Amino acid sequence: MEFYSQIIDMVVVGSVLVSAKRLERNTFADRNKIKHIMDKERLLDILKSKIEEADAIVVGGASGMSAASGFRFYYQDDEVFRQMAGSLREKYGFRNMFDGFYHPRITKGEHWALQLRTIKYDYECETGETYTDLAELLEGKNYYIVTTNQDTQFYRVFPENRITRLQGDWRYFQCKECCHDAIYYNKDMVMELNDKIVNDCLPEAYIPRCPVCVILV
């Protein structure tokens, strides 16, 4: 029992799910003990106590945060994905948005249609419960958030000066050639360009260009 308790103590401040996965990989462990230790309520109590006791907290937030709130179209063939993919789903055979983004045969205009619809959705969707719950847990604490998420959910409930986005942010466009460092807030452009999509494709005349080097973004 002490062995399992040490594992939980080491990782619970980072992720309850990590604890579960690491325990499950210990094939020599007694199944009944694992079931007892992985009791959800007990783990949540441990997590809360760790947060309360901590002088400072670093939160690592990735795709599971959004998936747990129901935003699964990036990985799943759900209704949101089908609406945004339109005819491209059957045309190319991909079954989630990430596969659509990286499909080798998709045209530039079709790729832009998928991205624009995704960004528009991210602007308009509700705030995920996992994020509001986390904000409640961290209220009054000294914390900092590092995220690989681009969907901007963290920014809805936490101040920008407490967040580092390692893989970008859907709210901003940038020159793909990196000819300069500026980034451009895109909400108005995204809403306007969504209306220009024809047959699940953004016509080339509307594809954004870098204002400096004039390369297609």
C-alpha atoms as a PDB file:
ATOM      1  CA  MET A   1       0.000   0.000   0.000  1.00  0.00           C
ATOM      2  CA  GLU A   2       2.851   2.407   0.759  1.00  0.00           C
ATOM      3  CA  PHE A   3       4.216   1.843  -2.757  1.00  0.00           C
ATOM      4  CA  TYR A   4       0.925   2.884  -4.351  1.00  0.00           C
ATOM      5  CA  SER A   5       0.542   5.855  -2.036  1.00  0.00           C
ATOM      6  CA  GLN A   6       3.971   7.130  -3.076  1.00  0.00           C
ATOM      7  CA  ILE A   7       3.040   6.921  -6.754  1.00  0.00           C
ATOM      8  CA  ILE A   8      -0.163   8.879  -6.153  1.00  0.00           C
ATOM      9  CA  ASP A   9       1.653  11.452  -4.042  1.00  0.00           C
ATOM     10  CA  MET A  10       4.237  12.014  -6.779  1.00  0.00           C
ATOM     11  CA  VAL A  11       1.847  12.670  -9.645  1.00  0.00           C
ATOM     12  CA  VAL A  12      -1.499  13.731  -8.242  1.00  0.00           C
ATOM     13  CA  VAL A  13      -0.611  17.423  -8.331  1.00  0.00           C
ATOM     14  CA  GLY A  14      -0.067  17.101 -12.075  1.00  0.00           C
ATOM     15  CA  SER A  15      -2.923  14.847 -13.101  1.00  0.00           C
ATOM     16  CA  VAL A  16      -5.250  12.359 -11.491  1.00  0.00           C
ATOM     17  CA  LEU A  17      -5.412  10.529 -14.812  1.00  0.00           C
ATOM     18  CA  VAL A  18      -1.630  10.092 -14.890  1.00  0.00           C
ATOM     19  CA  SER A  19      -1.884   8.321 -11.542  1.00  0.00           C
ATOM     20  CA  ALA A  20      -4.474   5.972 -12.951  1.00  0.00           C
ATOM     21  CA  LYS A  21      -2.418   5.137 -16.023  1.00  0.00           C
ATOM     22  CA  ARG A  22       0.774   4.513 -14.070  1.00  0.00           C
ATOM     23  CA  LEU A  23      -0.951   2.226 -11.625  1.00  0.00           C
ATOM     24  CA  GLU A  24      -2.608   0.311 -14.424  1.00  0.00           C
ATOM     25  CA  ARG A  25       0.808  -0.363 -15.961  1.00  0.00           C
ATOM     26  CA  ASN A  26       1.968  -2.136 -12.776  1.00  0.00           C
ATOM     27  CA  THR A  27       0.854  -5.569 -13.911  1.00  0.00           C
ATOM     28  CA  PHE A  28       2.210  -7.214 -10.765  1.00  0.00           C
ATOM     29  CA  ALA A  29      -0.161  -5.197  -8.588  1.00  0.00           C
ATOM     30  CA  ASP A  30      -3.174  -6.755  -7.008  1.00  0.00           C
ATOM     31  CA  ARG A  31      -6.291  -5.712  -8.938  1.00  0.00           C
ATOM     32  CA  ASN A  32      -8.402  -5.270  -5.823  1.00  0.00           C
ATOM     33  CA  LYS A  33      -5.859  -2.914  -4.277  1.00  0.00           C
ATOM     34  CA  ILE A  34      -5.706  -0.839  -7.460  1.00  0.00           C
ATOM     35  CA  LYS A  35      -9.496  -0.567  -7.548  1.00  0.00           C
ATOM     36  CA  HIS A  36      -9.516   0.642  -3.957  1.00  0.00           C
ATOM     37  CA  ILE A  37      -6.681   3.135  -4.446  1.00  0.00           C
ATOM     38  CA  MET A  38      -8.082   4.539  -7.671  1.00  0.00           C
ATOM     39  CA  ASP A  39     -11.391   5.423  -6.090  1.00  0.00           C
ATOM     40  CA  LYS A  40     -12.292   8.683  -7.768  1.00  0.00           C
ATOM     41  CA  GLU A  41     -13.491  10.522  -4.715  1.00  0.00           C
ATOM     42  CA  ARG A  42     -10.384   9.632  -2.750  1.00  0.00           C
ATOM     43  CA  LEU A  43      -8.096  10.855  -5.508  1.00  0.00           C
ATOM     44  CA  LEU A  44     -10.030  14.097  -5.809  1.00  0.00           C
ATOM     45  CA  ASP A  45      -9.691  14.642  -2.077  1.00  0.00           C
ATOM     46  CA  ILE A  46      -5.927  14.115  -2.349  1.00  0.00           C
ATOM     47  CA  LEU A  47      -5.732  16.524  -5.273  1.00  0.00           C
ATOM     48  CA  LYS A  48      -7.661  19.207  -3.397  1.00  0.00           C
ATOM     49  CA  SER A  49      -5.452  18.840  -0.333  1.00  0.00           C
ATOM     50  CA  LYS A  50      -2.298  19.115  -2.446  1.00  0.00           C
ATOM     51  CA  ILE A  51      -3.598  22.307  -4.034  1.00  0.00           C
ATOM     52  CA  GLU A  52      -4.537  23.763  -0.673  1.00  0.00           C
ATOM     53  CA  GLU A  53      -1.116  22.971   0.786  1.00  0.00           C
ATOM     54  CA  ALA A  54       0.967  24.189  -2.172  1.00  0.00           C
ATOM     55  CA  ASP A  55       2.847  27.490  -2.098  1.00  0.00           C
ATOM     56  CA  ALA A  56       2.836  27.627  -5.903  1.00  0.00           C
ATOM     57  CA  ILE A  57       1.222  25.516  -8.612  1.00  0.00           C
ATOM     58  CA  VAL A  58       2.217  24.876 -12.217  1.00  0.00           C
ATOM     59  CA  VAL A  59      -0.651  23.535 -14.314  1.00  0.00           C
ATOM     60  CA  GLY A  60       0.110  21.542 -17.455  1.00  0.00           C
ATOM     61  CA  GLY A  61      -3.009  21.604 -19.621  1.00  0.00           C
ATOM     62  CA  ALA A  62      -3.371  19.595 -22.829  1.00  0.00           C
ATOM     63  CA  SER A  63      -6.080  18.224 -25.091  1.00  0.00           C
ATOM     64  CA  GLY A  64      -7.679  16.090 -22.390  1.00  0.00           C
ATOM     65  CA  MET A  65      -8.949  19.231 -20.680  1.00  0.00           C
ATOM     66  CA  SER A  66     -11.074  20.129 -23.680  1.00  0.00           C
ATOM     67  CA  ALA A  67     -12.024  16.553 -24.543  1.00  0.00           C
ATOM     68  CA  ALA A  68     -13.369  16.123 -20.997  1.00  0.00           C
ATOM     69  CA  SER A  69     -15.641  19.101 -21.633  1.00  0.00           C
ATOM     70  CA  GLY A  70     -17.030  17.500 -24.790  1.00  0.00           C
ATOM     71  CA  PHE A  71     -14.846  19.152 -27.434  1.00  0.00           C
ATOM     72  CA  ARG A  72     -13.860  15.949 -29.203  1.00  0.00           C
ATOM     73  CA  PHE A  73     -14.275  16.791 -32.899  1.00  0.00           C
ATOM     74  CA  TYR A  74     -10.508  17.098 -33.243  1.00  0.00           C
ATOM     75  CA  TYR A  75     -10.222  13.332 -32.695  1.00  0.00           C
ATOM     76  CA  GLN A  76     -13.717  11.913 -33.203  1.00  0.00           C
ATOM     77  CA  ASP A  77     -16.286  11.570 -35.944  1.00  0.00           C
ATOM     78  CA  ASP A  78     -18.971  13.429 -33.994  1.00  0.00           C
ATOM     79  CA  GLU A  79     -21.740  15.771 -35.091  1.00  0.00           C
ATOM     80  CA  VAL A  80     -19.637  18.925 -34.666  1.00  0.00           C
ATOM     81  CA  PHE A  81     -16.925  17.457 -36.885  1.00  0.00           C
ATOM     82  CA  ARG A  82     -19.427  16.369 -39.539  1.00  0.00           C
ATOM     83  CA  GLN A  83     -20.980  19.813 -39.719  1.00  0.00           C
ATOM     84  CA  MET A  84     -17.620  21.527 -40.120  1.00  0.00           C
ATOM     85  CA  ALA A  85     -16.124  18.990 -42.527  1.00  0.00           C
ATOM     86  CA  GLY A  86     -19.173  18.980 -44.790  1.00  0.00           C
ATOM     87  CA  SER A  87     -18.597  17.110 -48.036  1.00  0.00           C
ATOM     88  CA  LEU A  88     -14.858  16.820 -47.406  1.00  0.00           C
ATOM     89  CA  ARG A  89     -15.481  13.990 -44.947  1.00  0.00           C
ATOM     90  CA  GLU A  90     -16.645  11.657 -47.718  1.00  0.00           C
ATOM     91  CA  LYS A  91     -14.492  13.175 -50.450  1.00  0.00           C
ATOM     92  CA  TYR A  92     -11.257  12.338 -48.636  1.00  0.00           C
ATOM     93  CA  GLY A  93     -12.388   9.758 -46.096  1.00  0.00           C
ATOM     94  CA  PHE A  94     -10.991  11.398 -42.943  1.00  0.00           C
ATOM     95  CA  ARG A  95     -13.007  10.987 -39.758  1.00  0.00           C
ATOM     96  CA  ASN A  96     -11.784  13.730 -37.432  1.00  0.00           C
ATOM     97  CA  MET A  97     -10.576  17.298 -37.788  1.00  0.00           C
ATOM     98  CA  PHE A  98      -6.882  16.668 -37.170  1.00  0.00           C
ATOM     99  CA  ASP A  99      -6.812  14.052 -39.930  1.00  0.00           C
ATOM    100  CA  GLY A 100      -8.491  16.616 -42.165  1.00  0.00           C
ATOM    101  CA  PHE A 101      -5.919  19.296 -41.378  1.00  0.00           C
ATOM    102  CA  TYR A 102      -3.056  16.993 -42.365  1.00  0.00           C
ATOM    103  CA  HIS A 103      -4.634  15.080 -45.229  1.00  0.00           C
ATOM    104  CA  PRO A 104      -2.120  14.919 -48.114  1.00  0.00           C
ATOM    105  CA  ARG A 105      -4.675  15.492 -50.894  1.00  0.00           C
ATOM    106  CA  ILE A 106      -6.714  18.325 -49.459  1.00  0.00           C
ATOM    107  CA  THR A 107      -6.424  21.626 -51.357  1.00  0.00           C
ATOM    108  CA  LYS A 108      -5.291  24.891 -49.792  1.00  0.00           C
ATOM    109  CA  GLY A 109      -8.773  26.359 -50.061  1.00  0.00           C
ATOM    110  CA  GLU A 110     -10.355  23.292 -48.450  1.00  0.00           C
ATOM    111  CA  HIS A 111      -7.759  23.363 -45.697  1.00  0.00           C
ATOM    112  CA  TRP A 112      -8.616  27.000 -45.030  1.00  0.00           C
ATOM    113  CA  ALA A 113     -12.323  26.148 -44.901  1.00  0.00           C
ATOM    114  CA  LEU A 114     -11.664  23.581 -42.165  1.00  0.00           C
ATOM    115  CA  GLN A 115      -9.459  25.957 -40.200  1.00  0.00           C
ATOM    116  CA  LEU A 116     -11.846  28.891 -40.470  1.00  0.00           C
ATOM    117  CA  ARG A 117     -14.793  26.807 -39.298  1.00  0.00           C
ATOM    118  CA  THR A 118     -12.754  25.444 -36.412  1.00  0.00           C
ATOM    119  CA  ILE A 119     -11.643  28.906 -35.301  1.00  0.00           C
ATOM    120  CA  LYS A 120     -15.182  30.278 -35.606  1.00  0.00           C
ATOM    121  CA  TYR A 121     -16.427  27.397 -33.458  1.00  0.00           C
ATOM    122  CA  ASP A 122     -13.749  28.107 -30.855  1.00  0.00           C
ATOM    123  CA  TYR A 123     -14.860  31.730 -30.686  1.00  0.00           C
ATOM    124  CA  GLU A 124     -18.550  30.846 -30.321  1.00  0.00           C
ATOM    125  CA  CYS A 125     -18.677  27.634 -28.264  1.00  0.00           C
ATOM    126  CA  GLU A 126     -19.416  27.537 -24.545  1.00  0.00           C
ATOM    127  CA  THR A 127     -16.711  27.542 -21.905  1.00  0.00           C
ATOM    128  CA  GLY A 128     -15.848  23.997 -20.873  1.00  0.00           C
ATOM    129  CA  GLU A 129     -16.781  22.875 -17.377  1.00  0.00           C
ATOM    130  CA  THR A 130     -13.304  21.473 -16.784  1.00  0.00           C
ATOM    131  CA  TYR A 131     -11.900  24.993 -17.107  1.00  0.00           C
ATOM    132  CA  THR A 132     -14.398  26.644 -14.790  1.00  0.00           C
ATOM    133  CA  ASP A 133     -13.868  23.839 -12.262  1.00  0.00           C
ATOM    134  CA  LEU A 134     -10.107  24.345 -12.427  1.00  0.00           C
ATOM    135  CA  ALA A 135     -10.520  28.088 -11.957  1.00  0.00           C
ATOM    136  CA  GLU A 136     -12.545  27.412  -8.816  1.00  0.00           C
ATOM    137  CA  LEU A 137      -9.869  25.063  -7.471  1.00  0.00           C
ATOM    138  CA  LEU A 138      -7.090  27.595  -8.112  1.00  0.00           C
ATOM    139  CA  GLU A 139      -8.905  30.656  -6.795  1.00  0.00           C
ATOM    140  CA  GLY A 140      -6.617  32.639  -4.481  1.00  0.00           C
ATOM    141  CA  LYS A 141      -3.580  30.459  -5.265  1.00  0.00           C
ATOM    142  CA  ASN A 142      -0.231  31.370  -6.793  1.00  0.00           C
ATOM    143  CA  TYR A 143      -0.347  29.492 -10.097  1.00  0.00           C
ATOM    144  CA  TYR A 144       0.920  29.487 -13.678  1.00  0.00           C
ATOM    145  CA  ILE A 145      -0.470  27.562 -16.657  1.00  0.00           C
ATOM    146  CA  VAL A 146       1.474  25.984 -19.522  1.00  0.00           C
ATOM    147  CA  THR A 147      -0.709  24.620 -22.317  1.00  0.00           C
ATOM    148  CA  THR A 148      -0.398  22.986 -25.710  1.00  0.00           C
ATOM    149  CA  ASN A 149      -4.038  23.781 -26.461  1.00  0.00           C
ATOM    150  CA  GLN A 150      -4.855  26.248 -29.235  1.00  0.00           C
ATOM    151  CA  ASP A 151      -8.587  26.459 -28.553  1.00  0.00           C
ATOM    152  CA  THR A 152      -8.256  29.419 -26.130  1.00  0.00           C
ATOM    153  CA  GLN A 153     -10.453  27.867 -23.446  1.00  0.00           C
ATOM    154  CA  PHE A 154      -7.906  28.738 -20.760  1.00  0.00           C
ATOM    155  CA  TYR A 155      -8.121  32.418 -21.696  1.00  0.00           C
ATOM    156  CA  ARG A 156     -11.812  32.507 -20.911  1.00  0.00           C
ATOM    157  CA  VAL A 157     -11.266  31.915 -17.212  1.00  0.00           C
ATOM    158  CA  PHE A 158      -7.626  32.822 -16.505  1.00  0.00           C
ATOM    159  CA  PRO A 159      -5.655  36.056 -17.096  1.00  0.00           C
ATOM    160  CA  GLU A 160      -3.307  36.051 -20.085  1.00  0.00           C
ATOM    161  CA  ASN A 161      -0.260  36.934 -17.981  1.00  0.00           C
ATOM    162  CA  ARG A 162      -0.572  33.577 -16.221  1.00  0.00           C
ATOM    163  CA  ILE A 163      -0.611  31.443 -19.371  1.00  0.00           C
ATOM    164  CA  THR A 164       2.069  30.269 -21.798  1.00  0.00           C
ATOM    165  CA  ARG A 165       0.755  28.740 -25.033  1.00  0.00           C
ATOM    166  CA  LEU A 166       3.439  26.447 -26.416  1.00  0.00           C
ATOM    167  CA  GLN A 167       1.748  25.561 -29.707  1.00  0.00           C
ATOM    168  CA  GLY A 168       0.072  28.796 -30.697  1.00  0.00           C
ATOM    169  CA  ASP A 169      -3.387  30.285 -30.332  1.00  0.00           C
ATOM    170  CA  TRP A 170      -6.267  30.043 -32.808  1.00  0.00           C
ATOM    171  CA  ARG A 171      -7.102  33.723 -32.220  1.00  0.00           C
ATOM    172  CA  TYR A 172      -4.015  34.942 -34.082  1.00  0.00           C
ATOM    173  CA  PHE A 173      -2.625  34.643 -37.592  1.00  0.00           C
ATOM    174  CA  GLN A 174       1.090  34.815 -38.371  1.00  0.00           C
ATOM    175  CA  CYS A 175       3.196  34.760 -41.520  1.00  0.00           C
ATOM    176  CA  LYS A 176       4.005  31.119 -42.271  1.00  0.00           C
ATOM    177  CA  GLU A 177       7.433  32.193 -43.559  1.00  0.00           C
ATOM    178  CA  CYS A 178       8.088  34.055 -40.278  1.00  0.00           C
ATOM    179  CA  CYS A 179       9.277  37.101 -42.212  1.00  0.00           C
ATOM    180  CA  HIS A 180       8.439  39.207 -39.144  1.00  0.00           C
ATOM    181  CA  ASP A 181       7.363  38.567 -35.558  1.00  0.00           C
ATOM    182  CA  ALA A 182       3.968  40.249 -35.481  1.00  0.00           C
ATOM    183  CA  ILE A 183       0.795  38.231 -34.876  1.00  0.00           C
ATOM    184  CA  TYR A 184      -2.662  39.414 -35.900  1.00  0.00           C
ATOM    185  CA  TYR A 185      -5.910  39.084 -33.954  1.00  0.00           C
ATOM    186  CA  ASN A 186      -8.234  37.376 -36.411  1.00  0.00           C
ATOM    187  CA  LYS A 187     -11.814  37.345 -35.117  1.00  0.00           C
ATOM    188  CA  ASP A 188     -13.277  39.825 -37.600  1.00  0.00           C
ATOM    189  CA  MET A 189     -11.426  38.228 -40.523  1.00  0.00           C
ATOM    190  CA  VAL A 190     -12.463  34.726 -39.483  1.00  0.00           C
ATOM    191  CA  MET A 191     -16.136  35.663 -39.319  1.00  0.00           C
ATOM    192  CA  GLU A 192     -15.960  37.439 -42.679  1.00  0.00           C
ATOM    193  CA  LEU A 193     -14.086  34.645 -44.446  1.00  0.00           C
ATOM    194  CA  ASN A 194     -16.472  31.969 -43.188  1.00  0.00           C
ATOM    195  CA  ASP A 195     -19.126  33.649 -45.300  1.00  0.00           C
ATOM    196  CA  LYS A 196     -16.880  33.383 -48.369  1.00  0.00           C
ATOM    197  CA  ILE A 197     -16.576  29.577 -48.237  1.00  0.00           C
ATOM    198  CA  VAL A 198     -18.126  27.909 -51.294  1.00  0.00           C
ATOM    199  CA  ASN A 199     -18.635  24.147 -51.517  1.00  0.00           C
ATOM    200  CA  ASP A 200     -16.448  23.598 -48.449  1.00  0.00           C
ATOM    201  CA  CYS A 201     -13.591  25.556 -50.002  1.00  0.00           C
ATOM    202  CA  LEU A 202     -12.301  29.104 -49.547  1.00  0.00           C
ATOM    203  CA  PRO A 203     -11.699  30.621 -53.000  1.00  0.00           C
ATOM    204  CA  GLU A 204      -8.045  31.506 -53.583  1.00  0.00           C
ATOM    205  CA  ALA A 205      -8.866  35.194 -53.961  1.00  0.00           C
ATOM    206  CA  TYR A 206      -9.860  35.268 -50.271  1.00  0.00           C
ATOM    207  CA  ILE A 207      -6.977  33.258 -48.803  1.00  0.00           C
ATOM    208  CA  PRO A 208      -5.130  35.625 -46.427  1.00  0.00           C
ATOM    209  CA  ARG A 209      -1.701  36.909 -47.405  1.00  0.00           C
ATOM    210  CA  CYS A 210       1.081  38.167 -45.177  1.00  0.00           C
ATOM    211  CA  PRO A 211       0.887  41.993 -45.150  1.00  0.00           C
ATOM    212  CA  VAL A 212       4.686  42.203 -45.324  1.00  0.00           C
ATOM    213  CA  CYS A 213       5.967  39.551 -47.753  1.00  0.00           C
ATOM    214  CA  VAL A 214       2.562  38.950 -49.456  1.00  0.00           C
ATOM    215  CA  ILE A 215       2.993  35.155 -49.272  1.00  0.00           C
ATOM    216  CA  LEU A 216      -0.248  33.195 -48.851  1.00  0.00           C
ATOM    217  CA  VAL A 217      -0.662  32.510 -45.143  1.00  0.00           C
END
